[in-house]
Amino acid sequence: MNKRRIITIVIGFLFFSAMWIIHDSIAKNDGGFGGADQEKMMEVWQELITPGAEHKALDFFVGDWTTKTKMWMAGPGGPPMESEGTVAFKWIMGGRYLCEEHTG
């Protein structure tokens, strides 16, 4: 076997050994994240994933828009290519992400 293969095997063994140790320590700790701790973690998680003021600031973009684009494909001295289109912005996934769909 070459050195690279031996190193890969050793790293793999160490990784799976560490995962096994972590798994055992969680299992011995009364099932890991159960009971009241899990409920508290879920409350904190819900607070963290709730859209906030930063999302509200993006409401300006929601709706349908017309676009006009210029591109200089022939270089700075050449004539620009122009195109027109539309874009629709809408909130998805409970207001967490702003989806942008272009046409044209």
Protein backbone atom coordinates (compact mmCIF):
# COMPACT_ATOMS: atom_id res chain seq x y z
CA MET A 1 0.00 0.00 0.00
CA ASN A 2 1.15 3.50 -0.69
CA LYS A 3 1.28 6.29 1.90
CA ARG A 4 -1.79 8.09 0.58
CA ARG A 5 -3.99 5.02 0.96
CA ILE A 6 -2.70 4.33 4.49
CA ILE A 7 -3.35 7.95 5.52
CA THR A 8 -6.88 7.77 4.08
CA ILE A 9 -7.61 4.59 6.01
CA VAL A 10 -6.23 6.02 9.27
CA ILE A 11 -8.24 9.26 8.89
CA GLY A 12 -11.38 7.25 8.12
CA PHE A 13 -10.83 5.06 11.16
CA LEU A 14 -10.30 8.11 13.41
CA PHE A 15 -13.42 9.82 12.03
CA PHE A 16 -15.68 6.81 12.61
CA SER A 17 -14.16 6.22 16.05
CA ALA A 18 -14.93 9.82 17.01
CA MET A 19 -18.50 9.47 15.72
CA TRP A 20 -18.95 6.27 17.73
CA ILE A 21 -17.69 7.96 20.92
CA ILE A 22 -19.99 10.95 20.40
CA HIS A 23 -22.93 8.65 19.72
CA ASP A 24 -22.27 6.67 22.90
CA SER A 25 -21.94 9.81 25.03
CA ILE A 26 -25.25 11.18 23.72
CA ALA A 27 -26.99 7.85 24.24
CA LYS A 28 -25.73 7.64 27.84
CA ASN A 29 -26.98 11.17 28.50
CA ASP A 30 -30.65 10.06 28.72
CA GLY A 31 -31.22 9.97 24.98
CA GLY A 32 -29.33 13.10 24.13
CA PHE A 33 -31.49 16.12 23.38
CA GLY A 34 -34.78 15.00 24.88
CA GLY A 35 -37.39 16.47 27.17
CA ALA A 36 -37.32 20.09 28.27
CA ASP A 37 -33.96 20.76 26.62
CA GLN A 38 -35.38 19.83 23.24
CA GLU A 39 -38.43 22.05 23.75
CA LYS A 40 -36.21 25.00 24.72
CA MET A 41 -33.98 24.41 21.69
CA MET A 42 -37.04 24.36 19.42
CA GLU A 43 -38.28 27.68 20.89
CA VAL A 44 -34.90 29.29 20.27
CA TRP A 45 -34.77 27.80 16.76
CA GLN A 46 -38.24 29.19 15.93
CA GLU A 47 -37.12 32.65 17.06
CA LEU A 48 -33.99 32.47 14.93
CA ILE A 49 -35.77 31.40 11.74
CA THR A 50 -38.63 33.91 12.01
CA PRO A 51 -38.30 36.63 9.35
CA GLY A 52 -37.33 39.96 10.89
CA ALA A 53 -36.69 43.60 10.07
CA GLU A 54 -34.08 42.70 7.44
CA HIS A 55 -36.73 40.78 5.51
CA LYS A 56 -39.23 43.62 5.89
CA ALA A 57 -36.74 45.99 4.25
CA LEU A 58 -36.83 43.81 1.12
CA ASP A 59 -40.63 44.18 0.75
CA PHE A 60 -39.88 47.10 -1.56
CA PHE A 61 -38.90 44.61 -4.30
CA VAL A 62 -42.02 42.42 -4.10
CA GLY A 63 -44.16 42.71 -7.23
CA ASP A 64 -43.79 42.83 -11.01
CA TRP A 65 -41.16 45.02 -12.68
CA THR A 66 -40.07 45.78 -16.24
CA THR A 67 -36.39 45.61 -17.08
CA LYS A 68 -34.09 47.06 -19.70
CA THR A 69 -30.59 45.63 -19.98
CA LYS A 70 -27.54 46.78 -21.94
CA MET A 71 -24.55 44.51 -22.53
CA TRP A 72 -21.33 45.37 -24.33
CA MET A 73 -20.37 42.04 -25.90
CA ALA A 74 -18.08 43.60 -28.52
CA GLY A 75 -15.97 45.41 -25.92
CA PRO A 76 -16.07 48.93 -24.50
CA GLY A 77 -15.96 50.62 -27.93
CA GLY A 78 -18.61 48.49 -29.61
CA PRO A 79 -22.35 49.00 -29.71
CA PRO A 80 -24.37 47.66 -26.78
CA MET A 81 -26.87 44.84 -27.09
CA GLU A 82 -30.18 45.80 -25.53
CA SER A 83 -33.01 43.63 -24.25
CA GLU A 84 -36.23 44.20 -22.37
CA GLY A 85 -38.05 41.87 -20.04
CA THR A 86 -40.00 41.48 -16.85
CA VAL A 87 -39.15 40.27 -13.39
CA ALA A 88 -41.46 39.11 -10.61
CA PHE A 89 -40.37 39.06 -6.97
CA LYS A 90 -42.29 37.07 -4.37
CA TRP A 91 -41.69 35.70 -0.89
CA ILE A 92 -41.31 31.94 -0.54
CA MET A 93 -40.83 29.50 2.33
CA GLY A 94 -42.82 31.49 4.86
CA GLY A 95 -41.29 34.83 3.98
CA ARG A 96 -37.71 33.66 4.52
CA TYR A 97 -36.51 33.88 0.90
CA LEU A 98 -37.21 36.36 -1.88
CA CYS A 99 -37.71 34.52 -5.20
CA GLU A 100 -36.83 36.41 -8.38
CA GLU A 101 -38.15 35.16 -11.76
CA HIS A 102 -36.92 36.82 -14.95
CA THR A 103 -38.52 36.66 -18.39
CA GLY A 104 -37.02 38.18 -21.53
